[in-house]
Amino acid sequence: MRIITRKHLSRRTFLRGAGVTLALPFLESMVPAQTPLARTAANPQIRLGMCFIPHGAVMANWTPAEAGALKLSRTLLPLEPFKDQVVVLSNLEHKMAGPQGPGDNGGDHTRCPAVFLNGVHPKRTDGADIFAGVTIDQIAARKIGQETLLPSLEMATEDYSGLVGSCDVGFSCTYMNTISWSTNTTPMPMEINPRVVFDRMFGDGATPQERLERIERQRSILDAVTGRVRQLQGNLGPNDRNRVAEYLDTVREIERRIQLAEKQNTDSKLAVPASPTGIPDDHQEHSKLMFDLMALSFQADITRISTFMMAREVSYRTFPMLGISEGFHPASHHQNSAAKLEALTKINSYHVSLVAHLLERLKNTPDGDGNLLDHSLILYGSAMSNSNVHNHAPLPVFVAGGANGRMKGGRHLQYAEGTPMANLLLSILNKAGIPQESVGDSTGLLTEL
């Protein structure tokens, strides 16, 4: 006769203390004692991460040489450790990001973010009557995001939210400020401050003043729940104790980095405009920290859907670490100059390397019978192709992750020219168990994916 000793924790177990709520990652103890762990772990919930980059890419250096087994191009080399879980998709087009008739020329930079996740041409207006399409992250949030603390999480590294009116030939700046739309007229704001993201994830509806007080007290979120953690760990098996310990180490490390960034900004003696508290001065550190927060939100099941605007259209960010002093947008108008094409290729590869950081975090995080990368689908791409001419095909796009066993990596899929990018968006929802008749200008699923 088998004696069952494993205690059962609710999947929605939280640690609470001092106004702080901390969600837990998936543990063996969350499986009822008489339920085979393998059966439950084999059906984890999928996570969706969608990353946008502006200004297209140098497609000659982006596109793998041949279809079939994936041989990474120069730009995509940072993905080498994860190649077996990457699919590059060629010849996709976001036609709705381009002009749709007479009098609709220009506006490509504002249309690109608005179209990226919906395939819907936004209304040309610089007033309050904005109109775009519901994006697939928000479609997913309604279906698989309602059981989590945050139905979705929207992040960015550059803030243009103060821009109003027309940003690009009659198109509202609103279209440029986000890639996520919950309704046709409701854009989702993108958060650039990792402290705010962290407090949304682990705070208890704290106001900015409460967050400031917590910073001034220099109290760790984890210190507020130490007693509860000790009590919980005493009731867990060895595997769960190790997993909780690793998880808490990750939370503490991210908090440490946020606090360090705050201190650097506060103590700086340089005569420069004040940075928002908690935002690292270093772009690479900022981007990686946001990706770490995305991975942590997936691990703790705080959200299952996240979008990340890695840069804004018409970004003037420079890349001194790459030896590039010219701004991103000016560099993207390369005029076929060999030197500028080389600079833009380096920028493209740099952004891919940041996504590789996310993939590494996901791959190294246990989840059920695999890891988070096995159970995620990560989209990376742009709604622009050749930034010098502002065209929208062929787009630089790849997807990564196992999608809960629904996606096979290590491939370069070459579609017919002009295949709608919206077909990929439709396919992503389908792999997430959210079938739709159509998305934007889609014509059907990418069955090969």
Protein backbone atom coordinates (compact mmCIF):
# COMPACT_ATOMS: atom_id res chain seq x y z
CA MET A 1 0.00 0.00 0.00
CA ARG A 2 1.44 3.36 -1.07
CA ILE A 3 1.42 6.14 1.53
CA ILE A 4 0.86 9.57 -0.01
CA THR A 5 2.72 12.27 1.89
CA ARG A 6 3.01 15.01 -0.69
CA LYS A 7 1.11 18.11 0.46
CA HIS A 8 -0.95 20.02 -2.07
CA LEU A 9 -0.50 23.78 -2.58
CA SER A 10 -2.84 25.83 -4.71
CA ARG A 11 -1.36 26.94 -8.06
CA ARG A 12 -2.32 30.47 -7.01
CA THR A 13 -0.42 30.35 -3.70
CA PHE A 14 0.97 33.75 -2.71
CA LEU A 15 3.37 34.86 -0.01
CA ARG A 16 2.01 37.93 1.73
CA GLY A 17 3.56 40.40 4.14
CA ALA A 18 3.78 44.14 4.79
CA GLY A 19 1.49 45.00 1.89
CA VAL A 20 3.51 42.86 -0.52
CA THR A 21 2.18 39.93 -2.53
CA LEU A 22 4.65 37.47 -4.04
CA ALA A 23 3.50 34.78 -6.45
CA LEU A 24 5.29 31.44 -6.58
CA PRO A 25 6.61 29.46 -9.55
CA PHE A 26 5.14 26.08 -10.44
CA LEU A 27 6.05 23.50 -7.79
CA GLU A 28 5.57 19.76 -7.48
CA SER A 29 3.54 20.47 -4.34
CA MET A 30 0.94 22.25 -6.48
CA VAL A 31 -0.03 18.92 -8.05
CA PRO A 32 -2.67 17.05 -5.99
CA ALA A 33 -1.09 14.07 -4.25
CA GLN A 34 -2.99 11.44 -6.27
CA THR A 35 -2.37 13.17 -9.59
CA PRO A 36 0.61 11.86 -11.60
CA LEU A 37 3.03 14.80 -11.85
CA ALA A 38 4.02 13.94 -15.40
CA ARG A 39 0.45 14.15 -16.63
CA THR A 40 -0.06 17.62 -15.14
CA ALA A 41 3.37 18.92 -16.07
CA ALA A 42 2.91 17.76 -19.65
CA ASN A 43 0.15 20.33 -20.15
CA PRO A 44 1.55 23.64 -18.88
CA GLN A 45 0.09 26.93 -19.97
CA ILE A 46 1.85 28.56 -22.90
CA ARG A 47 3.56 31.94 -22.46
CA LEU A 48 3.70 34.48 -25.27
CA GLY A 49 6.42 37.11 -25.59
CA MET A 50 6.30 39.57 -28.49
CA CYS A 51 9.25 41.85 -29.21
CA PHE A 52 9.21 44.75 -31.67
CA ILE A 53 12.17 46.50 -33.22
CA PRO A 54 11.92 49.49 -35.60
CA HIS A 55 13.76 50.36 -38.81
CA GLY A 56 13.82 46.89 -40.33
CA ALA A 57 17.17 45.23 -41.00
CA VAL A 58 19.91 44.79 -43.56
CA MET A 59 18.11 41.84 -45.11
CA ALA A 60 21.16 40.56 -47.01
CA ASN A 61 22.85 39.99 -43.64
CA TRP A 62 19.68 38.84 -41.86
CA THR A 63 18.29 36.17 -44.18
CA PRO A 64 19.74 32.63 -43.94
CA ALA A 65 21.33 31.45 -47.17
CA GLU A 66 18.90 28.61 -47.80
CA ALA A 67 15.58 27.18 -46.69
CA GLY A 68 15.34 24.07 -44.55
CA ALA A 69 17.71 23.30 -41.71
CA LEU A 70 18.58 26.59 -40.05
CA LYS A 71 22.03 27.98 -40.83
CA LEU A 72 22.22 31.25 -38.99
CA SER A 73 23.10 34.40 -40.88
CA ARG A 74 25.64 36.89 -39.60
CA THR A 75 22.98 39.03 -37.92
CA LEU A 76 21.36 36.05 -36.21
CA LEU A 77 24.56 34.45 -34.87
CA PRO A 78 23.73 35.38 -31.24
CA LEU A 79 20.94 32.78 -31.45
CA GLU A 80 23.42 29.90 -31.95
CA PRO A 81 22.93 28.38 -28.43
CA PHE A 82 19.17 28.20 -29.07
CA LYS A 83 19.18 27.40 -32.78
CA ASP A 84 17.27 24.17 -32.28
CA GLN A 85 14.34 26.20 -30.92
CA VAL A 86 14.39 29.04 -33.46
CA VAL A 87 12.40 29.35 -36.69
CA VAL A 88 13.28 32.13 -39.14
CA LEU A 89 10.42 33.07 -41.47
CA SER A 90 11.21 34.76 -44.79
CA ASN A 91 9.12 36.73 -47.31
CA LEU A 92 6.39 37.83 -44.89
CA GLU A 93 4.78 41.21 -45.59
CA HIS A 94 2.86 43.76 -43.51
CA LYS A 95 1.05 45.38 -46.41
CA MET A 96 -1.20 47.33 -44.03
CA ALA A 97 1.85 49.22 -42.73
CA GLY A 98 2.21 50.84 -46.14
CA PRO A 99 0.02 53.37 -48.00
CA GLN A 100 -3.40 52.06 -48.97
CA GLY A 101 -4.35 54.45 -51.71
CA PRO A 102 -4.02 57.99 -53.07
CA GLY A 103 -3.24 60.56 -50.40
CA ASP A 104 -1.95 57.94 -47.98
CA ASN A 105 1.76 58.33 -48.66
CA GLY A 106 4.15 58.80 -45.76
CA GLY A 107 3.45 57.83 -42.19
CA ASP A 108 5.37 54.55 -42.35
CA HIS A 109 7.13 55.09 -39.03
CA THR A 110 3.87 55.60 -37.14
CA ARG A 111 2.03 52.81 -38.92
CA CYS A 112 4.69 50.15 -38.25
CA PRO A 113 4.14 49.80 -34.48
CA ALA A 114 0.37 50.10 -34.87
CA VAL A 115 0.24 47.28 -37.44
CA PHE A 116 2.88 44.90 -36.04
CA LEU A 117 0.58 42.71 -33.93
CA ASN A 118 -2.74 43.12 -35.74
CA GLY A 119 -2.25 43.55 -39.51
CA VAL A 120 -4.77 46.42 -39.53
CA HIS A 121 -4.13 49.74 -41.28
CA PRO A 122 -4.60 52.52 -38.70
CA LYS A 123 -6.83 55.49 -39.39
CA ARG A 124 -4.95 58.50 -40.69
CA THR A 125 -5.55 61.13 -38.04
CA ASP A 126 -3.57 63.38 -35.76
CA GLY A 127 -6.56 64.00 -33.51
CA ALA A 128 -8.33 62.04 -30.78
CA ASP A 129 -10.26 59.82 -33.22
CA ILE A 130 -7.52 57.18 -33.41
CA PHE A 131 -8.51 53.76 -34.73
CA ALA A 132 -6.37 50.65 -35.15
CA GLY A 133 -6.84 46.92 -34.64
CA VAL A 134 -7.00 44.76 -31.52
CA THR A 135 -3.58 43.11 -31.20
CA ILE A 136 -3.01 39.39 -30.71
CA ASP A 137 -1.48 39.87 -27.26
CA GLN A 138 -4.76 41.37 -26.06
CA ILE A 139 -6.81 38.66 -27.78
CA ALA A 140 -4.68 36.17 -25.88
CA ALA A 141 -4.99 38.16 -22.63
CA ARG A 142 -8.76 37.75 -22.75
CA LYS A 143 -8.49 34.00 -23.24
CA ILE A 144 -5.52 32.85 -21.17
CA GLY A 145 -4.63 35.96 -19.16
CA GLN A 146 -7.62 36.20 -16.87
CA GLU A 147 -6.32 33.63 -14.38
CA THR A 148 -3.14 35.62 -13.66
CA LEU A 149 -2.45 38.72 -11.60
CA LEU A 150 -1.67 40.70 -14.76
CA PRO A 151 -3.57 39.67 -17.90
CA SER A 152 -0.68 41.14 -19.91
CA LEU A 153 2.51 43.11 -19.36
CA GLU A 154 3.61 45.89 -21.73
CA MET A 155 7.19 47.20 -21.62
CA ALA A 156 9.56 49.46 -23.56
CA THR A 157 12.94 51.15 -23.19
CA GLU A 158 12.17 54.55 -24.74
CA ASP A 159 9.36 56.88 -23.72
CA TYR A 160 7.65 59.05 -26.29
CA SER A 161 4.34 59.16 -24.39
CA GLY A 162 4.69 62.94 -23.95
CA LEU A 163 4.47 63.43 -27.70
CA VAL A 164 1.00 64.43 -28.88
CA GLY A 165 -0.54 65.49 -32.14
CA SER A 166 1.01 64.47 -35.44
CA CYS A 167 4.30 62.57 -35.42
CA ASP A 168 4.52 61.49 -39.05
CA VAL A 169 2.60 63.06 -41.96
CA GLY A 170 -0.86 63.23 -40.44
CA PHE A 171 -0.66 60.19 -38.17
CA SER A 172 -1.11 60.58 -34.43
CA CYS A 173 1.88 60.06 -32.15
CA THR A 174 -0.29 57.55 -30.28
CA TYR A 175 0.33 55.02 -33.04
CA MET A 176 4.07 55.30 -32.44
CA ASN A 177 3.88 54.92 -28.66
CA THR A 178 2.71 51.32 -28.35
CA ILE A 179 2.43 47.98 -30.12
CA SER A 180 -0.54 46.80 -28.01
CA TRP A 181 -4.22 47.69 -28.49
CA SER A 182 -6.98 46.27 -26.25
CA THR A 183 -9.73 47.69 -28.49
CA ASN A 184 -9.75 49.52 -31.82
CA THR A 185 -9.55 52.82 -29.97
CA THR A 186 -7.65 51.86 -26.79
CA PRO A 187 -3.86 51.69 -26.94
CA MET A 188 -2.06 50.01 -24.04
CA PRO A 189 0.67 52.17 -22.46
CA MET A 190 4.20 50.76 -22.50
CA GLU A 191 6.16 51.00 -19.24
CA ILE A 192 9.88 51.83 -19.42
CA ASN A 193 10.70 51.94 -15.69
CA PRO A 194 11.72 48.53 -14.31
CA ARG A 195 10.88 49.68 -10.78
CA VAL A 196 7.28 50.33 -11.83
CA VAL A 197 7.12 46.97 -13.63
CA PHE A 198 8.53 45.25 -10.56
CA ASP A 199 5.98 46.94 -8.29
CA ARG A 200 3.15 46.00 -10.61
CA MET A 201 4.32 42.41 -10.38
CA PHE A 202 5.03 42.21 -6.66
CA GLY A 203 3.49 45.27 -5.04
CA ASP A 204 -0.06 45.44 -3.76
CA GLY A 205 -1.43 48.26 -5.85
CA ALA A 206 1.17 50.65 -4.41
CA THR A 207 0.98 54.32 -5.33
CA PRO A 208 4.08 56.23 -6.50
CA GLN A 209 4.32 57.77 -3.01
CA GLU A 210 4.24 54.34 -1.37
CA ARG A 211 6.93 53.12 -3.75
CA LEU A 212 9.08 56.13 -2.88
CA GLU A 213 8.66 55.43 0.81
CA ARG A 214 9.71 51.82 0.28
CA ILE A 215 12.84 52.97 -1.55
CA GLU A 216 13.69 55.42 1.21
CA ARG A 217 13.27 52.73 3.86
CA GLN A 218 15.56 50.48 1.76
CA ARG A 219 13.48 47.51 2.70
CA SER A 220 13.67 44.47 0.48
CA ILE A 221 10.38 43.05 -0.69
CA LEU A 222 11.64 39.65 0.29
CA ASP A 223 12.41 40.73 3.86
CA ALA A 224 8.70 41.44 4.30
CA VAL A 225 7.82 37.80 3.67
CA THR A 226 10.87 36.06 5.15
CA GLY A 227 8.91 34.39 7.92
CA ARG A 228 6.28 33.12 5.49
CA VAL A 229 8.98 31.78 3.17
CA ARG A 230 10.60 29.84 6.03
CA GLN A 231 7.26 28.43 7.07
CA LEU A 232 6.44 27.40 3.51
CA GLN A 233 9.82 25.83 2.81
CA GLY A 234 9.49 23.69 5.93
CA ASN A 235 6.47 22.02 4.34
CA LEU A 236 8.03 21.39 0.94
CA GLY A 237 9.98 18.51 -0.49
CA PRO A 238 13.66 18.95 -1.38
CA ASN A 239 13.02 19.67 -5.06
CA ASP A 240 10.48 22.37 -4.27
CA ARG A 241 12.69 23.91 -1.58
CA ASN A 242 15.50 24.23 -4.11
CA ARG A 243 13.18 25.70 -6.71
CA VAL A 244 11.75 28.28 -4.29
CA ALA A 245 15.27 29.20 -3.16
CA GLU A 246 16.43 29.70 -6.76
CA TYR A 247 13.32 31.72 -7.53
CA LEU A 248 13.80 34.00 -4.53
CA ASP A 249 17.45 34.49 -5.47
CA THR A 250 16.31 35.64 -8.90
CA VAL A 251 13.79 38.07 -7.40
CA ARG A 252 16.38 39.47 -5.01
CA GLU A 253 18.98 39.90 -7.76
CA ILE A 254 16.58 41.84 -9.96
CA GLU A 255 15.57 44.00 -7.02
CA ARG A 256 19.23 44.64 -6.24
CA ARG A 257 19.88 45.77 -9.80
CA ILE A 258 16.88 48.11 -9.75
CA GLN A 259 18.00 49.63 -6.46
CA LEU A 260 21.54 50.03 -7.80
CA ALA A 261 20.20 51.85 -10.85
CA GLU A 262 18.19 54.13 -8.57
CA LYS A 263 21.25 54.87 -6.45
CA GLN A 264 23.36 55.63 -9.51
CA ASN A 265 20.77 58.10 -10.74
CA THR A 266 20.34 59.67 -7.29
CA ASP A 267 24.05 60.00 -6.49
CA SER A 268 25.17 61.18 -9.90
CA LYS A 269 27.09 64.48 -9.76
CA LEU A 270 26.90 65.02 -13.52
CA ALA A 271 24.97 68.07 -14.67
CA VAL A 272 22.49 66.12 -16.79
CA PRO A 273 18.68 66.04 -16.79
CA ALA A 274 17.30 63.74 -14.11
CA SER A 275 16.45 60.23 -15.27
CA PRO A 276 13.25 58.56 -14.07
CA THR A 277 14.07 56.66 -10.90
CA GLY A 278 14.98 53.03 -11.46
CA ILE A 279 15.95 53.23 -15.13
CA PRO A 280 19.57 52.15 -15.72
CA ASP A 281 21.72 54.59 -17.65
CA ASP A 282 23.18 51.72 -19.66
CA HIS A 283 20.86 50.61 -22.47
CA GLN A 284 22.06 47.03 -22.48
CA GLU A 285 21.51 46.69 -18.74
CA HIS A 286 18.09 48.33 -19.08
CA SER A 287 17.01 45.96 -21.85
CA LYS A 288 18.29 42.85 -20.10
CA LEU A 289 16.60 43.88 -16.88
CA MET A 290 13.27 44.23 -18.67
CA PHE A 291 13.76 40.81 -20.25
CA ASP A 292 14.59 39.39 -16.82
CA LEU A 293 11.34 40.82 -15.51
CA MET A 294 9.46 39.24 -18.41
CA ALA A 295 11.04 35.86 -17.64
CA LEU A 296 10.28 36.23 -13.94
CA SER A 297 6.66 37.16 -14.65
CA PHE A 298 6.34 33.97 -16.72
CA GLN A 299 8.05 31.88 -14.06
CA ALA A 300 5.76 33.10 -11.28
CA ASP A 301 2.70 32.94 -13.55
CA ILE A 302 2.07 36.62 -12.83
CA THR A 303 1.32 36.99 -16.52
CA ARG A 304 1.40 34.73 -19.54
CA ILE A 305 1.52 37.45 -22.19
CA SER A 306 4.09 40.20 -22.52
CA THR A 307 5.03 42.70 -25.21
CA PHE A 308 8.33 44.56 -25.39
CA MET A 309 8.98 47.58 -27.59
CA MET A 310 12.77 47.31 -27.67
CA ALA A 311 13.14 50.67 -29.41
CA ARG A 312 10.85 53.32 -30.85
CA GLU A 313 10.45 54.29 -34.45
CA VAL A 314 12.65 57.27 -35.33
CA SER A 315 14.87 56.42 -32.35
CA TYR A 316 17.99 58.55 -32.03
CA ARG A 317 19.69 56.24 -29.56
CA THR A 318 23.40 55.84 -30.20
CA PHE A 319 25.48 52.72 -29.64
CA PRO A 320 28.92 53.74 -28.36
CA MET A 321 29.55 50.16 -27.15
CA LEU A 322 29.45 49.15 -30.82
CA GLY A 323 31.64 52.05 -31.89
CA ILE A 324 28.63 53.74 -33.54
CA SER A 325 28.05 57.41 -32.72
CA GLU A 326 25.26 57.98 -35.23
CA GLY A 327 21.68 57.67 -34.02
CA PHE A 328 19.65 54.56 -34.85
CA HIS A 329 17.23 56.32 -37.22
CA PRO A 330 19.86 58.25 -39.18
CA ALA A 331 21.94 55.07 -39.45
CA SER A 332 18.91 53.24 -40.83
CA HIS A 333 18.80 55.61 -43.81
CA HIS A 334 21.97 54.05 -45.14
CA GLN A 335 21.65 55.13 -48.81
CA ASN A 336 23.43 51.86 -49.62
CA SER A 337 26.64 53.19 -48.10
CA ALA A 338 28.88 50.26 -47.18
CA ALA A 339 29.88 51.91 -43.91
CA LYS A 340 26.28 52.63 -42.90
CA LEU A 341 25.13 49.15 -43.89
CA GLU A 342 27.88 47.74 -41.68
CA ALA A 343 26.79 49.96 -38.78
CA LEU A 344 23.14 48.99 -39.17
CA THR A 345 24.06 45.30 -39.32
CA LYS A 346 25.91 45.65 -36.02
CA ILE A 347 22.86 47.34 -34.48
CA ASN A 348 20.60 44.59 -35.80
CA SER A 349 22.82 41.88 -34.34
CA TYR A 350 23.05 43.72 -31.03
CA HIS A 351 19.27 43.72 -30.66
CA VAL A 352 19.16 40.01 -31.51
CA SER A 353 21.74 39.40 -28.78
CA LEU A 354 19.39 41.01 -26.26
CA VAL A 355 16.63 38.57 -27.24
CA ALA A 356 19.17 35.77 -26.85
CA HIS A 357 19.51 36.89 -23.22
CA LEU A 358 15.76 36.30 -22.75
CA LEU A 359 15.97 32.88 -24.40
CA GLU A 360 18.83 31.94 -22.09
CA ARG A 361 16.83 32.94 -19.03
CA LEU A 362 13.82 30.98 -20.20
CA LYS A 363 15.87 27.91 -21.07
CA ASN A 364 17.55 27.92 -17.67
CA THR A 365 14.26 28.17 -15.76
CA PRO A 366 12.61 24.80 -14.95
CA ASP A 367 8.90 24.63 -15.68
CA GLY A 368 6.87 21.46 -15.29
CA ASP A 369 8.54 18.64 -17.19
CA GLY A 370 10.79 21.03 -19.15
CA ASN A 371 11.79 24.66 -19.04
CA LEU A 372 10.12 27.97 -19.77
CA LEU A 373 11.52 28.13 -23.28
CA ASP A 374 9.90 24.78 -24.04
CA HIS A 375 6.58 26.25 -22.95
CA SER A 376 6.90 29.68 -24.56
CA LEU A 377 6.52 31.21 -27.99
CA ILE A 378 8.65 34.31 -28.48
CA LEU A 379 8.14 36.53 -31.52
CA TYR A 380 10.79 39.01 -32.65
CA GLY A 381 10.60 41.27 -35.66
CA SER A 382 9.78 44.53 -37.37
CA ALA A 383 7.01 45.83 -39.60
CA MET A 384 9.62 47.45 -41.86
CA SER A 385 12.14 45.77 -44.15
CA ASN A 386 14.58 48.10 -45.93
CA SER A 387 14.60 51.19 -43.74
CA ASN A 388 16.20 53.25 -46.49
CA VAL A 389 13.04 53.05 -48.61
CA HIS A 390 10.45 52.30 -45.88
CA ASN A 391 9.10 49.15 -47.50
CA HIS A 392 7.32 46.39 -45.60
CA ALA A 393 8.50 43.17 -47.23
CA PRO A 394 10.36 40.93 -46.81
CA LEU A 395 10.26 41.42 -43.04
CA PRO A 396 12.97 40.41 -40.56
CA VAL A 397 11.10 37.94 -38.34
CA PHE A 398 11.82 34.90 -36.21
CA VAL A 399 10.00 32.93 -33.53
CA ALA A 400 11.57 30.89 -30.75
CA GLY A 401 10.51 28.37 -28.13
CA GLY A 402 8.75 25.04 -28.08
CA ALA A 403 5.20 26.41 -27.76
CA ASN A 404 4.30 23.45 -25.53
CA GLY A 405 5.45 20.96 -28.14
CA ARG A 406 3.54 22.66 -30.94
CA MET A 407 6.54 24.18 -32.71
CA LYS A 408 9.65 22.52 -34.08
CA GLY A 409 12.74 24.74 -34.21
CA GLY A 410 15.99 24.70 -36.14
CA ARG A 411 14.35 25.72 -39.41
CA HIS A 412 14.30 28.46 -42.01
CA LEU A 413 10.84 28.64 -43.59
CA GLN A 414 10.75 30.46 -46.92
CA TYR A 415 7.25 31.46 -47.98
CA ALA A 416 5.93 32.90 -51.22
CA GLU A 417 6.68 36.59 -51.64
CA GLY A 418 3.99 38.77 -50.14
CA THR A 419 2.71 36.20 -47.64
CA PRO A 420 0.85 38.26 -45.01
CA MET A 421 2.63 38.65 -41.68
CA ALA A 422 -0.89 38.42 -40.26
CA ASN A 423 -0.82 34.71 -41.18
CA LEU A 424 1.95 34.32 -38.59
CA LEU A 425 -0.08 36.28 -36.04
CA LEU A 426 -3.04 33.98 -36.68
CA SER A 427 -0.76 30.95 -36.33
CA ILE A 428 0.66 32.18 -33.02
CA LEU A 429 -2.84 32.40 -31.55
CA ASN A 430 -3.63 28.95 -32.91
CA LYS A 431 -0.56 27.46 -31.23
CA ALA A 432 -1.62 29.14 -27.99
CA GLY A 433 -4.93 27.29 -28.20
CA ILE A 434 -6.84 30.41 -29.26
CA PRO A 435 -8.11 29.69 -32.79
CA GLN A 436 -9.46 32.67 -34.72
CA GLU A 437 -11.05 32.93 -38.14
CA SER A 438 -8.72 35.75 -39.12
CA VAL A 439 -6.36 38.45 -37.90
CA GLY A 440 -6.06 41.66 -39.90
CA ASP A 441 -5.36 40.87 -43.54
CA SER A 442 -4.54 37.21 -42.90
CA THR A 443 -5.39 34.61 -45.55
CA GLY A 444 -4.80 31.47 -43.48
CA LEU A 445 -2.49 29.64 -41.11
CA LEU A 446 1.20 29.04 -41.77
CA THR A 447 0.74 25.28 -41.69
CA GLU A 448 4.48 24.54 -42.02
CA LEU A 449 5.13 26.34 -38.72
